[in-house]
C-alpha cells in the first residue's frame, strides 16, 4: 500500500507515517496535499503521499514521512469521525448501524467513478488473531528512524515470518482477483478478503489503519490508490487494482495487482502492460549496494517515451513489523539520500502509472486519490527482500496463482516474476513448466 510523501525539511524535524491519513507533512513545513487520508476511516496504505516542489524532477525527502492527522472537532453529542453511534472511539467501537453514502453533491469528481454506499466497518474479535498496534484506536505507535538512509536489516527469524505473511497476502490477493467481474461490487470483494485473512490467522492490515474503514483497497479506473470498497458494481472493461496487506505473527506482507472486469480495451491493455513492465524492470535492479533513489529513473525512463506519466505524490516504503517505514521508494527520477540496498532490507516497489496527468485529486472521504483529468491509472506491488545475490519477491505468485496476459506478453520478463536469486529463478522455471 502506498504512502504519501511531503517535502521534508530539516532532518531533525522529520518523522514518518503511512499514506492513508489526513496528510503527510514535514513538521514545521505546513500542511501537505491531502490526497489519501481517513475521513470516516482512511492506502493502502500501500503508498506514501509526496508533495512535490516547484521542480518536477525531485521531491525534497531528507527524512521519513510524517503524518499529520487533523484533529476532528467534537460535536455536542461527542461524535468525531472515528466514533460510532455509541460514542466509543476507533476500531474497537461497534460499527455504525446504517450504511453510509459518501457522495458529496458539491464536489466535482474527475471521472466516471464516484463513491457508492459503504457497509459498516468490520471488527476483529477473535482472540487468536494477533493485531497490529493501531487496530483498536487507529494510531500506529512505532515510528521509523529519522534519517532516511537508516534501514532495518531483518534477521533470518524475521525474514521467515515475513515470508509467511507474504504467502498469506498472495493467497488472499489471488482469491480477491478471481472475484473481479462485471456486476461484482468491491464491497463483496472486501468481505471475502476480510474472511480469508482471518481464516489464515492474519489481520487485514488496512483495517482501521489511521481509521481506514475496510480490509483492502480497491482502486477502479481513474482511482490512483486507496479506493474504499463500496456497493458500486464493476462494469465491463473496468480496470481494478486490489491492494492486500496481511499482518501475521507480528509482520506485514503487502502486495497489489491489476485485474480487469471482463475485457480491457486496447488503451487499457497498453496501460497495464507498461505499468507491469516498468515495475519488473525496477525489481530486476534490486541487489546489494545499489541506491534506492535509482529505482525511480528506471521506471520513468520506461514509461515516459510511451506517453505515460508516473505519480509523484505517493511512493513505496519499507515494511516489516511496522506497516510503513524506511526506505521511501520514489517512482520517478530523483536524487534523494534514501540509502543503499543491503541484504535483509524489505520494502515495496509500487509504481502508479497514468494515461494522462499524474496530478492527484483528493476526494472528500480523505482517502481516495484519483487523477485530475479522469484518465485511468494502474499499479502493481510486491514486498521485496534484498538478498546477498539479488532480490526475492516475498509476495510472489505460487503454484495456484493465475498467470495473467501481461505476464505472458511482457517483453521485459516472460512469465511470473519471483526475483533474481538462483532459488527464485528455479521456482519461476518450475511454474512456467506447470502452466
Protein backbone atom coordinates (compact mmCIF):
# COMPACT_ATOMS: atom_id res chain seq x y z
CA UNK A 1 0.00 0.00 0.00
CA UNK A 2 1.40 3.36 -0.94
CA UNK A 3 2.16 6.23 1.36
CA UNK A 4 2.09 9.91 0.76
CA UNK A 5 5.24 11.98 1.00
CA UNK A 6 5.85 15.65 1.59
CA UNK A 7 8.87 17.81 1.05
CA UNK A 8 10.95 17.07 4.10
CA UNK A 9 12.82 19.90 5.69
CA UNK A 10 15.42 19.60 8.44
CA UNK A 11 16.22 16.01 9.27
CA UNK A 12 15.88 16.69 12.96
CA UNK A 13 12.26 17.67 12.42
CA UNK A 14 11.35 14.67 10.32
CA UNK A 15 9.09 11.87 11.45
CA UNK A 16 7.18 9.32 9.47
CA UNK A 17 3.85 7.75 8.74
CA UNK A 18 1.58 5.93 6.37
CA UNK A 19 -0.10 7.33 3.31
CA UNK A 20 -3.51 6.62 4.47
CA UNK A 21 -4.21 9.56 6.63
CA UNK A 22 -5.28 13.12 6.56
CA UNK A 23 -1.97 14.21 5.12
CA UNK A 24 1.73 13.76 5.33
CA UNK A 25 3.66 16.85 6.17
CA UNK A 26 7.09 17.81 7.26
CA UNK A 27 6.90 19.17 10.77
CA UNK A 28 7.19 22.90 10.56
CA UNK A 29 6.62 22.88 6.82
CA UNK A 30 2.90 23.45 6.89
CA UNK A 31 0.02 21.35 5.53
CA UNK A 32 0.73 18.87 2.78
CA UNK A 33 -1.59 17.88 -0.01
CA UNK A 34 -4.27 15.65 1.49
CA UNK A 35 -4.74 13.09 -1.20
CA UNK A 36 -5.26 9.98 0.81
CA UNK A 37 -6.35 10.26 4.36
CA UNK A 38 -9.03 8.99 6.60
CA UNK A 39 -12.33 10.67 6.97
CA UNK A 40 -14.71 8.04 8.24
CA UNK A 41 -11.64 5.89 8.05
CA UNK A 42 -8.65 6.47 5.89
CA UNK A 43 -3.62 3.24 1.21
CA UNK A 44 -3.04 1.03 1.07
CA UNK A 45 -1.93 2.16 2.63
CA UNK A 46 0.33 0.89 0.00
CA UNK A 47 1.73 4.19 -0.99
CA UNK A 48 3.18 7.24 0.70
CA UNK A 49 1.96 10.68 -0.23
CA UNK A 50 4.58 13.02 -1.64
CA UNK A 51 4.16 16.76 -2.12
CA UNK A 52 6.46 17.81 -4.91
CA UNK A 53 8.37 21.07 -5.16
CA UNK A 54 8.13 23.52 -7.98
CA UNK A 55 10.74 21.41 -9.73
CA UNK A 56 9.08 18.35 -11.21
CA UNK A 57 12.30 16.37 -11.18
CA UNK A 58 12.57 15.62 -7.50
CA UNK A 59 10.95 15.69 -4.10
CA UNK A 60 12.84 17.00 -1.13
CA UNK A 61 12.75 13.98 1.12
CA UNK A 62 15.54 14.24 3.62
CA UNK A 63 13.84 12.15 6.24
CA UNK A 64 10.99 9.72 6.65
CA UNK A 65 7.46 10.85 6.11
CA UNK A 66 5.42 12.30 8.91
CA UNK A 67 1.69 12.01 9.09
CA UNK A 68 -0.21 14.97 10.44
CA UNK A 69 -3.61 13.67 11.50
CA UNK A 70 -6.03 16.54 11.74
CA UNK A 71 -7.96 16.71 14.96
CA UNK A 72 -11.66 16.36 14.41
CA UNK A 73 -13.89 18.84 16.14
CA UNK A 74 -16.27 17.23 18.59
CA UNK A 75 -19.95 17.75 18.21
CA UNK A 76 -22.18 18.28 21.23
CA UNK A 77 -23.05 14.62 21.06
CA UNK A 78 -19.36 13.74 21.29
CA UNK A 79 -19.19 12.14 17.85
CA UNK A 80 -15.97 12.66 15.93
CA UNK A 81 -15.27 11.00 12.61
CA UNK A 82 -13.88 7.89 14.20
CA UNK A 83 -16.67 7.48 16.70
CA UNK A 84 -19.52 5.10 16.36
CA UNK A 85 -23.11 5.90 17.06
CA UNK A 86 -22.50 4.79 20.63
CA UNK A 87 -19.75 7.36 21.11
CA UNK A 88 -16.84 4.96 21.57
CA UNK A 89 -13.73 5.59 19.50
CA UNK A 90 -11.73 3.67 16.99
CA UNK A 91 -11.53 0.12 15.77
CA UNK A 92 -12.96 -1.50 18.85
CA UNK A 93 -16.15 0.54 18.59
CA UNK A 94 -19.36 -1.04 17.40
CA UNK A 95 -19.85 -0.40 13.66
CA UNK A 96 -22.38 2.19 12.67
CA UNK A 97 -25.79 0.65 12.22
CA UNK A 98 -26.60 2.26 8.90
CA UNK A 99 -24.86 2.08 5.54
CA UNK A 100 -23.03 5.24 4.60
CA UNK A 101 -23.16 7.04 1.28
CA UNK A 102 -20.24 9.41 0.93
CA UNK A 103 -21.19 11.15 -2.31
CA UNK A 104 -20.65 14.87 -1.93
CA UNK A 105 -23.09 16.70 -4.26
CA UNK A 106 -20.92 19.83 -4.33
CA UNK A 107 -17.63 18.05 -5.13
CA UNK A 108 -16.52 17.84 -8.77
CA UNK A 109 -15.35 14.27 -9.38
CA UNK A 110 -12.83 13.88 -12.19
CA UNK A 111 -14.20 10.84 -13.99
CA UNK A 112 -16.97 8.27 -14.04
CA UNK A 113 -16.22 6.69 -10.67
CA UNK A 114 -17.98 8.24 -7.67
CA UNK A 115 -18.39 6.94 -4.12
CA UNK A 116 -21.04 4.31 -3.55
CA UNK A 117 -22.57 3.16 -0.29
CA UNK A 118 -20.23 1.75 2.34
CA UNK A 119 -21.26 -1.14 4.55
CA UNK A 120 -20.48 -0.99 8.30
CA UNK A 121 -16.85 -1.35 9.31
CA UNK A 122 -15.96 -4.87 10.38
CA UNK A 123 -14.43 -5.72 13.72
CA UNK A 124 -11.91 -8.44 14.51
CA UNK A 125 -12.81 -10.06 17.81
CA UNK A 126 -11.05 -13.43 17.53
CA UNK A 127 -8.56 -13.76 20.37
CA UNK A 128 -6.27 -15.96 18.28
CA UNK A 129 -5.67 -13.17 15.72
CA UNK A 130 -2.62 -11.06 16.57
CA UNK A 131 -3.48 -7.41 15.93
CA UNK A 132 -1.16 -4.55 14.96
CA UNK A 133 -0.74 -1.74 17.49
CA UNK A 134 -3.23 0.53 15.70
CA UNK A 135 -6.08 -1.98 15.48
CA UNK A 136 -8.07 -0.63 18.43
CA UNK A 137 -7.54 3.12 18.21
CA UNK A 138 -6.32 3.64 14.63
CA UNK A 139 -2.98 5.12 15.71
CA UNK A 140 0.34 3.40 14.82
CA UNK A 141 2.71 3.57 17.77
CA UNK A 142 6.07 2.87 16.12
CA UNK A 143 7.95 5.41 14.03
CA UNK A 144 10.89 4.76 11.70
CA UNK A 145 14.39 6.11 12.09
CA UNK A 146 14.61 9.87 11.46
CA UNK A 147 17.49 9.52 9.00
CA UNK A 148 16.08 8.16 5.72
CA UNK A 149 19.16 6.09 4.94
CA UNK A 150 18.94 4.20 8.25
CA UNK A 151 17.15 0.99 7.24
CA UNK A 152 16.39 -2.06 9.36
CA UNK A 153 18.10 -5.30 8.33
CA UNK A 154 15.89 -8.26 9.14
CA UNK A 155 17.22 -11.32 10.95
CA UNK A 156 16.70 -14.82 9.50
CA UNK A 157 13.88 -15.33 12.01
CA UNK A 158 12.18 -12.10 10.93
CA UNK A 159 12.60 -12.96 7.25
CA UNK A 160 10.91 -16.31 7.86
CA UNK A 161 7.94 -14.51 9.42
CA UNK A 162 7.79 -12.06 6.52
CA UNK A 163 7.78 -14.94 4.04
CA UNK A 164 4.81 -16.41 5.86
CA UNK A 165 2.95 -13.08 5.89
CA UNK A 166 3.77 -12.56 2.21
CA UNK A 167 2.45 -16.01 1.34
CA UNK A 168 -0.85 -15.28 3.11
CA UNK A 169 -1.15 -11.91 1.35
CA UNK A 170 -0.55 -13.61 -2.01
CA UNK A 171 -3.20 -16.26 -1.35
CA UNK A 172 -5.75 -13.64 -0.35
CA UNK A 173 -4.91 -11.43 -3.35
CA UNK A 174 -5.38 -14.35 -5.74
CA UNK A 175 -8.79 -15.10 -4.22
CA UNK A 176 -9.81 -11.43 -4.48
CA UNK A 177 -8.60 -11.22 -8.07
CA UNK A 178 -10.69 -14.19 -9.15
CA UNK A 179 -13.78 -12.31 -7.95
CA UNK A 180 -13.25 -9.34 -10.27
CA UNK A 181 -16.01 -9.47 -12.89
CA UNK A 182 -18.80 -7.26 -14.22
CA UNK A 183 -21.60 -6.91 -11.66
CA UNK A 184 -19.47 -7.76 -8.62
CA UNK A 185 -19.13 -4.96 -6.05
CA UNK A 186 -15.86 -4.03 -4.41
CA UNK A 187 -17.60 -4.36 -1.04
CA UNK A 188 -18.22 -8.03 -1.83
CA UNK A 189 -14.51 -8.40 -2.61
CA UNK A 190 -13.60 -6.71 0.67
CA UNK A 191 -15.86 -9.07 2.65
CA UNK A 192 -14.09 -12.10 1.19
CA UNK A 193 -10.66 -10.53 1.77
CA UNK A 194 -11.56 -10.00 5.42
CA UNK A 195 -12.78 -13.55 5.97
CA UNK A 196 -9.93 -15.20 4.04
CA UNK A 197 -7.34 -13.20 6.01
CA UNK A 198 -8.87 -14.33 9.31
CA UNK A 199 -9.07 -17.94 8.11
CA UNK A 200 -5.29 -17.87 7.72
CA UNK A 201 -4.75 -16.42 11.17
CA UNK A 202 -3.94 -12.96 9.83
CA UNK A 203 -5.31 -9.49 10.48
CA UNK A 204 -6.16 -7.41 7.36
CA UNK A 205 -3.61 -4.61 7.84
CA UNK A 206 -5.54 -1.71 6.22
CA UNK A 207 -8.46 -2.12 8.64
CA UNK A 208 -8.51 0.91 10.98
CA UNK A 209 -5.01 1.98 9.93
CA UNK A 210 -5.37 5.69 10.70
CA UNK A 211 -9.09 4.93 10.58
CA UNK A 212 -9.31 3.29 7.14
CA UNK A 213 -12.74 1.60 7.19
CA UNK A 214 -12.13 -1.53 5.11
CA UNK A 215 -9.87 -4.56 4.91
CA UNK A 216 -8.38 -3.84 1.48
CA UNK A 217 -8.12 -1.04 -1.09
CA UNK A 218 -9.90 -1.33 -4.44
CA UNK A 219 -8.94 1.35 -6.96
CA UNK A 220 -11.06 1.40 -10.13
CA UNK A 221 -10.17 3.14 -13.41
CA UNK A 222 -9.08 6.72 -12.57
CA UNK A 223 -8.59 5.95 -8.88
CA UNK A 224 -4.83 6.00 -8.28
CA UNK A 225 -4.82 4.42 -4.83
CA UNK A 226 -6.68 3.98 -1.52
CA UNK A 227 -10.07 3.38 -3.07
CA UNK A 228 -12.60 2.38 -0.41
CA UNK A 229 -14.70 -0.70 -1.25
CA UNK A 230 -18.41 0.07 -1.65
CA UNK A 231 -21.58 -1.11 -3.40
CA UNK A 232 -20.71 0.13 -6.90
CA UNK A 233 -20.92 -2.87 -9.29
CA UNK A 234 -17.92 -3.27 -11.55
CA UNK A 235 -18.71 -2.59 -15.20
CA UNK A 236 -17.45 -4.37 -18.32
CA UNK A 237 -13.92 -3.16 -19.09
CA UNK A 238 -13.20 -1.64 -15.66
CA UNK A 239 -9.57 -1.98 -14.61
CA UNK A 240 -9.14 -2.59 -10.89
CA UNK A 241 -6.18 -2.55 -8.55
CA UNK A 242 -6.72 -4.71 -5.47
CA UNK A 243 -4.27 -3.91 -2.68
CA UNK A 244 -3.87 -6.52 0.06
CA UNK A 245 -1.78 -6.41 3.22
CA UNK A 246 -1.91 -9.13 5.86
CA UNK A 247 -0.45 -8.99 9.37
CA UNK A 248 0.67 -12.41 10.55
CA UNK A 249 2.70 -13.23 13.66
CA UNK A 250 3.79 -9.61 14.04
CA UNK A 251 4.78 -8.87 10.41
CA UNK A 252 3.09 -7.36 7.34
CA UNK A 253 3.02 -8.73 3.79
CA UNK A 254 1.91 -6.13 1.21
CA UNK A 255 1.03 -6.65 -2.46
CA UNK A 256 -1.30 -5.41 -5.17
CA UNK A 257 -2.17 -6.35 -8.72
CA UNK A 258 -4.31 -5.20 -11.61
CA UNK A 259 -7.41 -7.08 -12.72
CA UNK A 260 -9.95 -6.47 -15.48
CA UNK A 261 -13.72 -6.89 -15.22
CA UNK A 262 -14.34 -8.65 -18.50
CA UNK A 263 -12.10 -7.48 -21.34
CA UNK A 264 -9.92 -4.38 -21.38
CA UNK A 265 -9.85 -2.04 -24.35
CA UNK A 266 -6.61 -1.57 -26.28
CA UNK A 267 -5.62 1.55 -24.34
CA UNK A 268 -6.27 -0.19 -21.04
CA UNK A 269 -4.12 -3.14 -22.09
CA UNK A 270 -1.31 -0.78 -23.06
CA UNK A 271 -1.50 1.00 -19.69
CA UNK A 272 -1.46 -2.25 -17.70
CA UNK A 273 1.35 -3.78 -19.78
CA UNK A 274 3.51 -0.65 -19.50
CA UNK A 275 2.95 -0.46 -15.74
CA UNK A 276 3.80 -4.12 -15.27
CA UNK A 277 6.95 -3.91 -17.40
CA UNK A 278 8.37 -0.82 -15.67
CA UNK A 279 7.68 -2.47 -12.31
CA UNK A 280 9.55 -5.64 -13.29
CA UNK A 281 12.47 -3.58 -14.63
CA UNK A 282 12.66 -1.77 -11.30
CA UNK A 283 12.63 -5.05 -9.35
CA UNK A 284 15.35 -6.52 -11.57
CA UNK A 285 17.60 -3.62 -10.48
CA UNK A 286 17.43 -4.59 -6.80
CA UNK A 287 20.66 -6.01 -5.36
CA UNK A 288 23.12 -5.10 -2.59
CA UNK A 289 24.91 -1.73 -2.86
CA UNK A 290 22.53 -0.22 -5.43
CA UNK A 291 20.98 3.13 -4.46
CA UNK A 292 17.26 3.22 -3.71
CA UNK A 293 16.99 6.59 -5.46
CA UNK A 294 17.85 5.00 -8.83
CA UNK A 295 14.67 2.91 -8.89
CA UNK A 296 12.64 5.94 -9.95
CA UNK A 297 14.68 6.73 -13.05
CA UNK A 298 14.26 3.15 -14.30
CA UNK A 299 10.50 3.49 -14.03
CA UNK A 300 10.28 6.96 -15.56
CA UNK A 301 12.62 6.13 -18.43
CA UNK A 302 10.42 3.19 -19.40
CA UNK A 303 7.01 4.85 -19.24
CA UNK A 304 7.69 8.43 -20.45
CA UNK A 305 8.63 7.54 -24.07
CA UNK A 306 5.39 5.57 -24.27
CA UNK A 307 3.32 8.63 -23.36
CA UNK A 308 2.51 7.76 -19.75
CA UNK A 309 3.19 9.63 -16.51
CA UNK A 310 4.24 8.45 -13.06
CA UNK A 311 2.61 9.63 -9.84
CA UNK A 312 4.92 11.65 -7.59
CA UNK A 313 2.56 12.19 -4.71
CA UNK A 314 2.75 8.61 -3.45
CA UNK A 315 5.66 6.23 -3.02
CA UNK A 316 6.70 2.78 -1.89
CA UNK A 317 8.09 2.08 1.56
CA UNK A 318 9.97 -0.14 3.91
CA UNK A 319 7.91 -2.77 5.68
CA UNK A 320 8.20 -5.37 8.42
CA UNK A 321 6.74 -5.34 11.90
CA UNK A 322 5.85 -1.73 11.05
CA UNK A 323 3.47 -1.16 8.11
CA UNK A 324 5.35 1.81 6.63
CA UNK A 325 8.95 2.71 7.42
CA UNK A 326 12.31 3.42 5.73
CA UNK A 327 13.26 3.42 2.91
CA UNK A 328 10.98 5.67 0.86
CA UNK A 329 10.79 4.43 -2.75
CA UNK A 330 10.10 7.20 -5.27
CA UNK A 331 8.83 6.05 -8.66
CA UNK A 332 10.37 8.90 -10.68
CA UNK A 333 13.86 10.30 -11.24
CA UNK A 334 15.19 11.81 -8.01
CA UNK A 335 18.38 12.41 -6.05
CA UNK A 336 17.12 11.76 -2.53
CA UNK A 337 19.53 10.25 0.03
CA UNK A 338 17.37 7.24 0.84
CA UNK A 339 20.19 4.80 1.36
CA UNK A 340 21.70 1.78 -0.35
CA UNK A 341 20.29 -1.70 -0.63
CA UNK A 342 21.70 -4.35 1.70
CA UNK A 343 20.81 -7.97 2.48
CA UNK A 344 17.91 -8.15 4.92
CA UNK A 345 16.18 -4.97 3.72
CA UNK A 346 12.45 -5.41 3.00
CA UNK A 347 10.42 -2.82 1.10
CA UNK A 348 7.81 -2.32 -1.62
CA UNK A 349 8.04 -1.07 -5.18
CA UNK A 350 4.59 0.01 -6.39
CA UNK A 351 4.57 2.45 -9.31
CA UNK A 352 1.31 4.23 -10.13
CA UNK A 353 1.26 4.96 -13.86
CA UNK A 354 -1.32 7.17 -15.58
CA UNK A 355 -2.73 7.55 -19.10
CA UNK A 356 -2.82 11.33 -18.78
CA UNK A 357 -1.76 13.60 -15.96
CA UNK A 358 -0.27 12.16 -12.79
CA UNK A 359 -1.69 15.02 -10.73
CA UNK A 360 -3.92 13.80 -7.91
CA UNK A 361 -7.40 14.80 -6.81
CA UNK A 362 -8.33 14.03 -3.19
CA UNK A 363 -11.92 13.00 -2.53
CA UNK A 364 -13.86 14.34 0.46
CA UNK A 365 -13.56 10.90 2.11
CA UNK A 366 -9.94 11.89 2.85
CA UNK A 367 -8.61 8.65 1.38
CA UNK A 368 -9.39 8.19 -2.29
CA UNK A 369 -6.93 9.75 -4.75
CA UNK A 370 -7.83 9.97 -8.45
CA UNK A 371 -6.24 11.55 -11.50
CA UNK A 372 -7.38 15.14 -12.02
CA UNK A 373 -8.28 14.53 -15.66
CA UNK A 374 -10.34 11.37 -15.07
CA UNK A 375 -7.99 9.19 -17.12
CA UNK A 376 -7.03 5.77 -15.84
CA UNK A 377 -4.19 4.69 -13.59
CA UNK A 378 -2.59 1.29 -12.95
CA UNK A 379 -0.34 -0.14 -10.23
CA UNK A 380 1.47 -3.33 -9.18
CA UNK A 381 3.21 -4.03 -5.88
CA UNK A 382 5.36 -6.66 -4.18
CA UNK A 383 7.03 -6.86 -0.80
CA UNK A 384 10.68 -7.46 -1.69
CA UNK A 385 13.65 -8.88 0.20
CA UNK A 386 17.22 -7.90 -0.69
CA UNK A 387 19.43 -11.00 -0.53
CA UNK A 388 23.22 -11.37 -0.92
CA UNK A 389 22.70 -12.40 -4.55
CA UNK A 390 19.72 -10.29 -5.67
CA UNK A 391 16.08 -9.89 -4.77
CA UNK A 392 13.21 -12.17 -3.74
CA UNK A 393 9.52 -11.28 -4.04
CA UNK A 394 8.08 -12.30 -0.67
CA UNK A 395 4.56 -11.84 -2.08
CA UNK A 396 5.38 -13.63 -5.33
CA UNK A 397 2.95 -15.90 -7.11
CA UNK A 398 2.54 -19.52 -6.06
CA UNK A 399 1.52 -22.79 -7.71
CA UNK A 400 -2.19 -21.92 -7.67
CA UNK A 401 -1.80 -18.33 -8.88
CA UNK A 402 -3.22 -17.48 -12.31
CA UNK A 403 -0.74 -16.28 -14.94
CA UNK A 404 -2.13 -13.10 -16.49
CA UNK A 405 -1.87 -11.90 -20.09
CA UNK A 406 0.52 -9.07 -19.14
CA UNK A 407 2.92 -11.66 -17.71
CA UNK A 408 2.70 -13.83 -20.82
CA UNK A 409 3.07 -10.89 -23.23
CA UNK A 410 5.78 -8.97 -21.39
CA UNK A 411 8.89 -8.12 -23.40
CA UNK A 412 10.80 -7.43 -20.18
CA UNK A 413 10.23 -10.78 -18.47
CA UNK A 414 8.12 -13.61 -19.83
CA UNK A 415 6.03 -15.36 -17.20
CA UNK A 416 5.75 -14.86 -13.45
CA UNK A 417 8.47 -12.75 -11.81
CA UNK A 418 9.66 -14.01 -8.42
CA UNK A 419 13.09 -12.41 -8.17
CA UNK A 420 16.67 -12.72 -9.38
CA UNK A 421 18.15 -15.18 -6.87
CA UNK A 422 19.04 -18.72 -8.01
CA UNK A 423 16.16 -20.08 -5.91
CA UNK A 424 13.70 -17.60 -7.44
CA UNK A 425 14.88 -18.38 -10.97
CA UNK A 426 14.46 -22.11 -10.35
CA UNK A 427 10.96 -21.56 -8.96
CA UNK A 428 9.98 -19.44 -11.96
CA UNK A 429 11.07 -22.22 -14.30
CA UNK A 430 9.03 -24.74 -12.35
CA UNK A 431 5.92 -22.54 -12.51
CA UNK A 432 6.46 -21.98 -16.22
CA UNK A 433 6.57 -25.71 -16.91
CA UNK A 434 3.48 -26.32 -14.79
CA UNK A 435 1.45 -23.58 -16.51
